[in-house]
Amino acid sequence: MKSPSFRPRGPRPLADIAAAPIGEALKQAGFAATEVVTRWDEIVGEDLARRSAPVKIAWPRRPADHAEPEPGTLHVRVEAPFALEIQHLTPVIVERVNAFMGWRCVAAVRLTQIPLQAKRKPKAEPRQPADEARLGAVAAGFEDPALKEVILRFGRAVGGAR
């Protein structure tokens, strides 16, 4: 049986070391779960995530006798040129965050126009002829041309033809 002071030897994943301090900082900013920040790209989509970033969720004060929490206001930083576009998409953002979290935790979005550092897409590595030939051989086993095309696109997307 391990003692409470047991510490594993050797290197530990950075996520294990940083999880507690990051979680505490996000909790102070109103995030009950770190997923809203860490998985913002998945929640709102890559296009919106490049132009915005969640800052905090402001929760309304509630009386002690009120059992269920009221939904909060999600504060989001946006690039100035896209603020109007994102303002029109706030109902979509609210819906996506609530669907991702599994409960109605956000009722509104408040935008703050601040320049963001652009998130760059990684450049695709050039395809090697041998990889492309191997992928073509795999796809050749499919008779349906539409299915063959899907298999080729999938293989390239997951790195089968890099």
N, C-alpha and C. Protein backbone atom coordinates (compact mmCIF):
# COMPACT_ATOMS: atom_id res chain seq x y z
N MET A 1 0.85 -1.19 0.00
CA MET A 1 0.00 0.00 0.00
C MET A 1 0.89 1.25 0.00
N LYS A 2 0.50 2.22 -0.80
CA LYS A 2 1.29 3.44 -0.92
C LYS A 2 0.98 4.37 0.24
N SER A 3 2.00 5.01 0.74
CA SER A 3 1.77 6.00 1.79
C SER A 3 1.31 7.30 1.17
N PRO A 4 0.63 8.17 1.93
CA PRO A 4 0.14 9.44 1.38
C PRO A 4 1.26 10.34 0.86
N SER A 5 2.47 10.17 1.39
CA SER A 5 3.57 11.01 0.95
C SER A 5 4.36 10.38 -0.20
N PHE A 6 3.84 9.29 -0.76
CA PHE A 6 4.52 8.60 -1.86
C PHE A 6 4.62 9.53 -3.07
N ARG A 7 5.83 9.65 -3.60
CA ARG A 7 6.05 10.44 -4.81
C ARG A 7 6.72 9.54 -5.83
N PRO A 8 6.15 9.46 -7.03
CA PRO A 8 6.78 8.61 -8.03
C PRO A 8 8.13 9.16 -8.45
N ARG A 9 9.03 8.26 -8.79
CA ARG A 9 10.35 8.68 -9.26
C ARG A 9 10.31 8.87 -10.76
N GLY A 10 11.20 9.69 -11.23
CA GLY A 10 11.30 9.90 -12.68
C GLY A 10 10.45 11.07 -13.14
N PRO A 11 10.47 11.31 -14.43
CA PRO A 11 9.72 12.45 -14.98
C PRO A 11 8.22 12.22 -14.89
N ARG A 12 7.50 13.32 -14.69
CA ARG A 12 6.03 13.29 -14.65
C ARG A 12 5.51 14.13 -15.79
N PRO A 13 4.35 13.78 -16.32
CA PRO A 13 3.78 14.60 -17.39
C PRO A 13 3.50 16.02 -16.90
N LEU A 14 3.76 16.98 -17.77
CA LEU A 14 3.54 18.38 -17.42
C LEU A 14 2.09 18.63 -17.04
N ALA A 15 1.16 17.92 -17.66
CA ALA A 15 -0.25 18.09 -17.34
C ALA A 15 -0.53 17.76 -15.88
N ASP A 16 0.15 16.76 -15.33
CA ASP A 16 -0.05 16.40 -13.93
C ASP A 16 0.46 17.48 -12.99
N ILE A 17 1.56 18.10 -13.37
CA ILE A 17 2.17 19.14 -12.53
C ILE A 17 1.36 20.44 -12.59
N ALA A 18 0.91 20.81 -13.79
CA ALA A 18 0.26 22.11 -14.00
C ALA A 18 -1.24 22.09 -13.78
N ALA A 19 -1.85 20.92 -13.67
CA ALA A 19 -3.31 20.84 -13.59
C ALA A 19 -3.88 21.61 -12.41
N ALA A 20 -3.31 21.45 -11.23
CA ALA A 20 -3.86 22.11 -10.03
C ALA A 20 -3.74 23.64 -10.11
N PRO A 21 -2.55 24.20 -10.40
CA PRO A 21 -2.47 25.67 -10.48
C PRO A 21 -3.33 26.27 -11.60
N ILE A 22 -3.38 25.60 -12.75
CA ILE A 22 -4.20 26.12 -13.84
C ILE A 22 -5.67 26.04 -13.47
N GLY A 23 -6.07 24.92 -12.88
CA GLY A 23 -7.46 24.76 -12.45
C GLY A 23 -7.87 25.82 -11.45
N GLU A 24 -6.99 26.13 -10.52
CA GLU A 24 -7.29 27.15 -9.50
C GLU A 24 -7.41 28.54 -10.14
N ALA A 25 -6.52 28.86 -11.07
CA ALA A 25 -6.58 30.16 -11.74
C ALA A 25 -7.87 30.28 -12.55
N LEU A 26 -8.26 29.22 -13.23
CA LEU A 26 -9.49 29.26 -14.02
C LEU A 26 -10.72 29.34 -13.12
N LYS A 27 -10.66 28.68 -11.98
CA LYS A 27 -11.78 28.73 -11.04
C LYS A 27 -11.97 30.17 -10.54
N GLN A 28 -10.88 30.88 -10.30
CA GLN A 28 -10.97 32.27 -9.86
C GLN A 28 -11.54 33.16 -10.96
N ALA A 29 -11.37 32.77 -12.22
CA ALA A 29 -11.93 33.53 -13.34
C ALA A 29 -13.36 33.12 -13.64
N GLY A 30 -13.92 32.22 -12.83
CA GLY A 30 -15.31 31.84 -13.00
C GLY A 30 -15.54 30.58 -13.81
N PHE A 31 -14.47 29.92 -14.24
CA PHE A 31 -14.63 28.69 -15.01
C PHE A 31 -14.72 27.51 -14.07
N ALA A 32 -15.88 26.86 -14.04
CA ALA A 32 -16.06 25.69 -13.19
C ALA A 32 -15.25 24.53 -13.72
N ALA A 33 -15.06 24.49 -15.02
CA ALA A 33 -14.28 23.42 -15.65
C ALA A 33 -13.31 24.06 -16.63
N THR A 34 -12.12 23.49 -16.71
CA THR A 34 -11.10 24.05 -17.58
C THR A 34 -11.41 23.83 -19.06
N GLU A 35 -12.36 22.96 -19.37
CA GLU A 35 -12.64 22.62 -20.76
C GLU A 35 -13.07 23.81 -21.61
N VAL A 36 -13.76 24.78 -21.02
CA VAL A 36 -14.20 25.93 -21.80
C VAL A 36 -12.99 26.66 -22.38
N VAL A 37 -11.91 26.71 -21.63
CA VAL A 37 -10.70 27.38 -22.11
C VAL A 37 -9.86 26.44 -22.95
N THR A 38 -9.60 25.26 -22.45
CA THR A 38 -8.68 24.35 -23.12
C THR A 38 -9.25 23.75 -24.39
N ARG A 39 -10.56 23.68 -24.50
CA ARG A 39 -11.17 23.07 -25.69
C ARG A 39 -12.05 24.07 -26.44
N TRP A 40 -11.69 25.34 -26.36
CA TRP A 40 -12.44 26.41 -27.02
C TRP A 40 -12.57 26.15 -28.52
N ASP A 41 -11.50 25.66 -29.15
CA ASP A 41 -11.54 25.36 -30.59
C ASP A 41 -12.64 24.35 -30.91
N GLU A 42 -12.76 23.32 -30.08
CA GLU A 42 -13.79 22.30 -30.31
C GLU A 42 -15.19 22.84 -30.05
N ILE A 43 -15.31 23.70 -29.07
CA ILE A 43 -16.63 24.20 -28.67
C ILE A 43 -17.21 25.12 -29.73
N VAL A 44 -16.46 26.12 -30.14
CA VAL A 44 -17.01 27.13 -31.05
C VAL A 44 -16.59 26.94 -32.50
N GLY A 45 -15.66 26.04 -32.74
CA GLY A 45 -15.18 25.84 -34.10
C GLY A 45 -13.88 26.59 -34.33
N GLU A 46 -13.10 26.07 -35.25
CA GLU A 46 -11.76 26.61 -35.50
C GLU A 46 -11.79 28.06 -35.97
N ASP A 47 -12.76 28.41 -36.83
CA ASP A 47 -12.82 29.76 -37.37
C ASP A 47 -13.08 30.79 -36.27
N LEU A 48 -14.07 30.54 -35.42
CA LEU A 48 -14.35 31.46 -34.32
C LEU A 48 -13.23 31.47 -33.29
N ALA A 49 -12.64 30.33 -33.05
CA ALA A 49 -11.58 30.25 -32.03
C ALA A 49 -10.35 31.06 -32.43
N ARG A 50 -10.09 31.18 -33.74
CA ARG A 50 -8.96 32.00 -34.19
C ARG A 50 -9.20 33.47 -33.92
N ARG A 51 -10.45 33.86 -33.83
CA ARG A 51 -10.79 35.28 -33.69
C ARG A 51 -11.27 35.65 -32.29
N SER A 52 -11.34 34.68 -31.40
CA SER A 52 -11.86 34.96 -30.06
C SER A 52 -11.21 34.06 -29.03
N ALA A 53 -11.33 34.45 -27.76
CA ALA A 53 -10.80 33.65 -26.66
C ALA A 53 -11.64 33.92 -25.41
N PRO A 54 -12.01 32.88 -24.67
CA PRO A 54 -12.79 33.09 -23.46
C PRO A 54 -11.93 33.72 -22.37
N VAL A 55 -12.51 34.64 -21.60
CA VAL A 55 -11.78 35.31 -20.53
C VAL A 55 -12.26 34.81 -19.18
N LYS A 56 -13.57 34.85 -18.96
CA LYS A 56 -14.13 34.41 -17.69
C LYS A 56 -15.63 34.21 -17.84
N ILE A 57 -16.20 33.55 -16.85
CA ILE A 57 -17.65 33.46 -16.74
C ILE A 57 -18.02 34.20 -15.46
N ALA A 58 -18.85 35.23 -15.59
CA ALA A 58 -19.31 36.00 -14.43
C ALA A 58 -20.64 35.40 -13.97
N TRP A 59 -20.65 34.90 -12.76
CA TRP A 59 -21.84 34.27 -12.21
C TRP A 59 -22.63 35.29 -11.39
N PRO A 60 -23.94 35.35 -11.54
CA PRO A 60 -24.73 36.27 -10.72
C PRO A 60 -24.77 35.80 -9.27
N ARG A 61 -24.88 36.77 -8.36
CA ARG A 61 -25.01 36.40 -6.94
C ARG A 61 -26.35 35.73 -6.75
N ARG A 62 -26.34 34.74 -5.89
CA ARG A 62 -27.61 34.05 -5.65
C ARG A 62 -27.86 33.97 -4.16
N PRO A 63 -29.12 34.03 -3.78
CA PRO A 63 -29.45 33.92 -2.36
C PRO A 63 -29.10 32.53 -1.83
N ALA A 64 -28.88 32.44 -0.54
CA ALA A 64 -28.48 31.17 0.08
C ALA A 64 -29.56 30.11 -0.07
N ASP A 65 -30.83 30.52 -0.14
CA ASP A 65 -31.92 29.54 -0.22
C ASP A 65 -32.16 29.05 -1.65
N HIS A 66 -31.47 29.63 -2.61
CA HIS A 66 -31.65 29.25 -4.02
C HIS A 66 -30.69 28.10 -4.33
N ALA A 67 -31.23 26.93 -4.65
CA ALA A 67 -30.41 25.73 -4.82
C ALA A 67 -29.72 25.67 -6.18
N GLU A 68 -30.42 25.97 -7.25
CA GLU A 68 -29.83 25.84 -8.58
C GLU A 68 -29.09 27.11 -8.99
N PRO A 69 -27.90 26.95 -9.58
CA PRO A 69 -27.16 28.14 -10.01
C PRO A 69 -27.82 28.77 -11.23
N GLU A 70 -27.79 30.08 -11.26
CA GLU A 70 -28.27 30.82 -12.42
C GLU A 70 -27.18 30.81 -13.49
N PRO A 71 -27.54 30.80 -14.76
CA PRO A 71 -26.51 30.84 -15.80
C PRO A 71 -25.73 32.15 -15.75
N GLY A 72 -24.47 32.08 -16.14
CA GLY A 72 -23.60 33.24 -16.07
C GLY A 72 -23.44 33.93 -17.41
N THR A 73 -22.56 34.92 -17.42
CA THR A 73 -22.23 35.66 -18.63
C THR A 73 -20.80 35.31 -19.01
N LEU A 74 -20.62 34.80 -20.21
CA LEU A 74 -19.31 34.44 -20.71
C LEU A 74 -18.65 35.68 -21.31
N HIS A 75 -17.50 36.05 -20.79
CA HIS A 75 -16.75 37.19 -21.31
C HIS A 75 -15.73 36.66 -22.31
N VAL A 76 -15.75 37.24 -23.51
CA VAL A 76 -14.92 36.75 -24.61
C VAL A 76 -14.15 37.91 -25.22
N ARG A 77 -12.85 37.70 -25.43
CA ARG A 77 -12.03 38.68 -26.15
C ARG A 77 -12.19 38.40 -27.63
N VAL A 78 -12.32 39.46 -28.42
CA VAL A 78 -12.43 39.30 -29.87
C VAL A 78 -11.54 40.32 -30.56
N GLU A 79 -11.14 39.99 -31.76
CA GLU A 79 -10.40 40.95 -32.58
C GLU A 79 -11.40 41.98 -33.09
N ALA A 80 -11.02 43.24 -33.07
CA ALA A 80 -11.93 44.33 -33.43
C ALA A 80 -12.59 44.16 -34.80
N PRO A 81 -11.88 43.76 -35.85
CA PRO A 81 -12.54 43.66 -37.15
C PRO A 81 -13.66 42.61 -37.20
N PHE A 82 -13.63 41.65 -36.29
CA PHE A 82 -14.61 40.57 -36.32
C PHE A 82 -15.64 40.67 -35.20
N ALA A 83 -15.60 41.75 -34.43
CA ALA A 83 -16.49 41.88 -33.28
C ALA A 83 -17.96 41.88 -33.70
N LEU A 84 -18.30 42.58 -34.75
CA LEU A 84 -19.69 42.64 -35.19
C LEU A 84 -20.17 41.27 -35.66
N GLU A 85 -19.32 40.58 -36.41
CA GLU A 85 -19.68 39.24 -36.87
C GLU A 85 -19.90 38.28 -35.69
N ILE A 86 -18.98 38.33 -34.73
CA ILE A 86 -19.10 37.44 -33.57
C ILE A 86 -20.28 37.85 -32.70
N GLN A 87 -20.59 39.15 -32.65
CA GLN A 87 -21.76 39.60 -31.89
C GLN A 87 -23.03 38.95 -32.45
N HIS A 88 -23.11 38.84 -33.75
CA HIS A 88 -24.27 38.19 -34.36
C HIS A 88 -24.29 36.69 -34.10
N LEU A 89 -23.14 36.13 -33.80
CA LEU A 89 -23.04 34.70 -33.55
C LEU A 89 -23.12 34.34 -32.06
N THR A 90 -23.36 35.32 -31.19
CA THR A 90 -23.40 35.01 -29.75
C THR A 90 -24.46 33.97 -29.38
N PRO A 91 -25.65 33.95 -30.02
CA PRO A 91 -26.57 32.86 -29.67
C PRO A 91 -26.00 31.48 -29.99
N VAL A 92 -25.22 31.40 -31.06
CA VAL A 92 -24.59 30.13 -31.44
C VAL A 92 -23.53 29.75 -30.40
N ILE A 93 -22.75 30.74 -29.96
CA ILE A 93 -21.71 30.48 -28.96
C ILE A 93 -22.35 30.00 -27.66
N VAL A 94 -23.42 30.66 -27.22
CA VAL A 94 -24.12 30.25 -25.99
C VAL A 94 -24.62 28.82 -26.13
N GLU A 95 -25.22 28.52 -27.25
CA GLU A 95 -25.75 27.17 -27.48
C GLU A 95 -24.65 26.12 -27.46
N ARG A 96 -23.53 26.42 -28.12
CA ARG A 96 -22.43 25.45 -28.19
C ARG A 96 -21.77 25.23 -26.83
N VAL A 97 -21.57 26.30 -26.07
CA VAL A 97 -20.96 26.15 -24.74
C VAL A 97 -21.88 25.32 -23.85
N ASN A 98 -23.16 25.65 -23.84
CA ASN A 98 -24.11 24.92 -23.00
C ASN A 98 -24.22 23.46 -23.43
N ALA A 99 -24.23 23.20 -24.72
CA ALA A 99 -24.29 21.82 -25.20
C ALA A 99 -23.03 21.06 -24.80
N PHE A 100 -21.89 21.71 -24.91
CA PHE A 100 -20.63 21.06 -24.55
C PHE A 100 -20.58 20.74 -23.06
N MET A 101 -21.03 21.70 -22.23
CA MET A 101 -20.98 21.51 -20.78
C MET A 101 -22.09 20.58 -20.28
N GLY A 102 -23.15 20.46 -21.05
CA GLY A 102 -24.23 19.56 -20.66
C GLY A 102 -25.27 20.17 -19.75
N TRP A 103 -25.22 21.47 -19.54
CA TRP A 103 -26.23 22.17 -18.76
C TRP A 103 -26.19 23.65 -19.15
N ARG A 104 -27.23 24.36 -18.79
CA ARG A 104 -27.34 25.78 -19.17
C ARG A 104 -26.49 26.62 -18.21
N CYS A 105 -25.19 26.68 -18.49
CA CYS A 105 -24.29 27.43 -17.62
C CYS A 105 -24.07 28.86 -18.10
N VAL A 106 -24.35 29.14 -19.38
CA VAL A 106 -24.14 30.47 -19.93
C VAL A 106 -25.45 30.97 -20.53
N ALA A 107 -25.83 32.19 -20.17
CA ALA A 107 -27.05 32.79 -20.73
C ALA A 107 -26.73 33.92 -21.70
N ALA A 108 -25.56 34.52 -21.56
CA ALA A 108 -25.20 35.66 -22.41
C ALA A 108 -23.71 35.68 -22.65
N VAL A 109 -23.31 36.44 -23.66
CA VAL A 109 -21.90 36.62 -23.99
C VAL A 109 -21.62 38.10 -24.02
N ARG A 110 -20.54 38.49 -23.39
CA ARG A 110 -20.10 39.89 -23.42
C ARG A 110 -18.76 39.94 -24.13
N LEU A 111 -18.68 40.77 -25.16
CA LEU A 111 -17.48 40.85 -25.98
C LEU A 111 -16.61 42.03 -25.58
N THR A 112 -15.31 41.80 -25.60
CA THR A 112 -14.33 42.85 -25.37
C THR A 112 -13.39 42.84 -26.56
N GLN A 113 -13.22 43.99 -27.19
CA GLN A 113 -12.37 44.07 -28.38
C GLN A 113 -10.92 44.29 -27.96
N ILE A 114 -10.14 43.25 -28.13
CA ILE A 114 -8.71 43.28 -27.80
C ILE A 114 -7.99 42.52 -28.91
N PRO A 115 -6.88 43.05 -29.39
CA PRO A 115 -6.14 42.31 -30.41
C PRO A 115 -5.66 40.97 -29.84
N LEU A 116 -5.85 39.93 -30.60
CA LEU A 116 -5.39 38.60 -30.22
C LEU A 116 -4.18 38.25 -31.06
N GLN A 117 -3.34 37.40 -30.51
CA GLN A 117 -2.25 36.88 -31.32
C GLN A 117 -2.82 35.78 -32.19
N ALA A 118 -2.58 35.89 -33.46
CA ALA A 118 -3.14 34.93 -34.41
C ALA A 118 -2.62 33.53 -34.13
N LYS A 119 -3.54 32.58 -34.14
CA LYS A 119 -3.17 31.18 -34.02
C LYS A 119 -2.92 30.67 -35.43
N ARG A 120 -1.74 30.25 -35.66
CA ARG A 120 -1.37 29.82 -37.00
C ARG A 120 -1.62 28.33 -37.17
N LYS A 121 -2.11 27.99 -38.36
CA LYS A 121 -2.28 26.58 -38.69
C LYS A 121 -0.91 26.00 -39.01
N PRO A 122 -0.65 24.79 -38.55
CA PRO A 122 0.63 24.19 -38.94
C PRO A 122 0.63 23.89 -40.43
N LYS A 123 1.76 24.13 -41.06
CA LYS A 123 1.85 23.87 -42.49
C LYS A 123 1.91 22.37 -42.73
N ALA A 124 1.20 21.95 -43.74
CA ALA A 124 1.21 20.53 -44.09
C ALA A 124 2.56 20.19 -44.70
N GLU A 125 3.06 19.04 -44.29
CA GLU A 125 4.32 18.59 -44.86
C GLU A 125 4.09 18.15 -46.31
N PRO A 126 5.07 18.31 -47.17
CA PRO A 126 4.88 17.88 -48.55
C PRO A 126 4.68 16.36 -48.60
N ARG A 127 3.82 15.95 -49.50
CA ARG A 127 3.53 14.52 -49.63
C ARG A 127 4.68 13.82 -50.32
N GLN A 128 4.99 12.65 -49.81
CA GLN A 128 6.03 11.82 -50.40
C GLN A 128 5.39 10.91 -51.45
N PRO A 129 6.00 10.70 -52.59
CA PRO A 129 5.43 9.84 -53.63
C PRO A 129 5.17 8.42 -53.13
N ALA A 130 6.03 7.90 -52.27
CA ALA A 130 5.84 6.54 -51.76
C ALA A 130 4.58 6.46 -50.89
N ASP A 131 4.35 7.49 -50.07
CA ASP A 131 3.15 7.51 -49.23
C ASP A 131 1.90 7.61 -50.09
N GLU A 132 1.95 8.45 -51.11
CA GLU A 132 0.80 8.61 -52.00
C GLU A 132 0.51 7.31 -52.74
N ALA A 133 1.55 6.61 -53.15
CA ALA A 133 1.37 5.33 -53.84
C ALA A 133 0.76 4.29 -52.91
N ARG A 134 1.24 4.25 -51.67
CA ARG A 134 0.70 3.31 -50.69
C ARG A 134 -0.76 3.61 -50.41
N LEU A 135 -1.12 4.87 -50.28
CA LEU A 135 -2.51 5.26 -50.04
C LEU A 135 -3.37 4.91 -51.24
N GLY A 136 -2.85 5.12 -52.46
CA GLY A 136 -3.57 4.76 -53.67
C GLY A 136 -3.83 3.27 -53.75
N ALA A 137 -2.86 2.47 -53.30
CA ALA A 137 -3.03 1.01 -53.31
C ALA A 137 -4.13 0.59 -52.34
N VAL A 138 -4.20 1.24 -51.20
CA VAL A 138 -5.26 0.92 -50.23
C VAL A 138 -6.62 1.30 -50.80
N ALA A 139 -6.71 2.47 -51.41
CA ALA A 139 -7.99 2.95 -51.95
C ALA A 139 -8.41 2.16 -53.17
N ALA A 140 -7.48 1.52 -53.86
CA ALA A 140 -7.81 0.76 -55.07
C ALA A 140 -8.71 -0.43 -54.76
N GLY A 141 -8.73 -0.86 -53.52
CA GLY A 141 -9.57 -1.99 -53.14
C GLY A 141 -11.05 -1.64 -53.04
N PHE A 142 -11.41 -0.38 -53.21
CA PHE A 142 -12.80 0.04 -53.13
C PHE A 142 -13.34 0.31 -54.54
N GLU A 143 -14.50 -0.26 -54.84
CA GLU A 143 -15.07 -0.10 -56.18
C GLU A 143 -15.84 1.21 -56.33
N ASP A 144 -16.53 1.63 -55.30
CA ASP A 144 -17.35 2.84 -55.35
C ASP A 144 -16.45 4.07 -55.43
N PRO A 145 -16.55 4.89 -56.49
CA PRO A 145 -15.66 6.05 -56.63
C PRO A 145 -15.83 7.07 -55.50
N ALA A 146 -17.05 7.26 -55.02
CA ALA A 146 -17.27 8.23 -53.94
C ALA A 146 -16.59 7.74 -52.66
N LEU A 147 -16.72 6.46 -52.36
CA LEU A 147 -16.09 5.89 -51.18
C LEU A 147 -14.57 5.93 -51.31
N LYS A 148 -14.08 5.67 -52.51
CA LYS A 148 -12.63 5.72 -52.76
C LYS A 148 -12.09 7.12 -52.48
N GLU A 149 -12.83 8.14 -52.93
CA GLU A 149 -12.40 9.52 -52.70
C GLU A 149 -12.39 9.85 -51.21
N VAL A 150 -13.40 9.37 -50.49
CA VAL A 150 -13.47 9.60 -49.04
C VAL A 150 -12.28 8.94 -48.36
N ILE A 151 -11.96 7.73 -48.75
CA ILE A 151 -10.82 7.01 -48.16
C ILE A 151 -9.52 7.76 -48.44
N LEU A 152 -9.35 8.27 -49.65
CA LEU A 152 -8.15 9.03 -49.99
C LEU A 152 -8.04 10.31 -49.14
N ARG A 153 -9.15 11.04 -49.03
CA ARG A 153 -9.14 12.27 -48.21
C ARG A 153 -8.83 11.95 -46.76
N PHE A 154 -9.46 10.87 -46.25
CA PHE A 154 -9.22 10.49 -44.86
C PHE A 154 -7.76 10.11 -44.64
N GLY A 155 -7.21 9.32 -45.55
CA GLY A 155 -5.80 8.91 -45.44
C GLY A 155 -4.85 10.09 -45.45
N ARG A 156 -5.14 11.07 -46.28
CA ARG A 156 -4.29 12.27 -46.31
C ARG A 156 -4.45 13.10 -45.05
N ALA A 157 -5.66 13.15 -44.53
CA ALA A 157 -5.93 13.96 -43.34
C ALA A 157 -5.25 13.38 -42.11
N VAL A 158 -5.20 12.08 -41.99
CA VAL A 158 -4.59 11.47 -40.80
C VAL A 158 -3.10 11.21 -40.97
N GLY A 159 -2.56 11.57 -42.13
CA GLY A 159 -1.13 11.48 -42.31
C GLY A 159 -0.68 10.28 -43.12
N GLY A 160 -1.62 9.63 -43.77
CA GLY A 160 -1.24 8.46 -44.57
C GLY A 160 -0.48 8.82 -45.82
N ALA A 161 -0.55 10.11 -46.24
CA ALA A 161 0.15 10.51 -47.47
C ALA A 161 0.91 11.78 -47.23
N ARG A 162 1.75 11.78 -46.25
CA ARG A 162 2.55 12.97 -45.96
C ARG A 162 3.90 12.85 -46.54
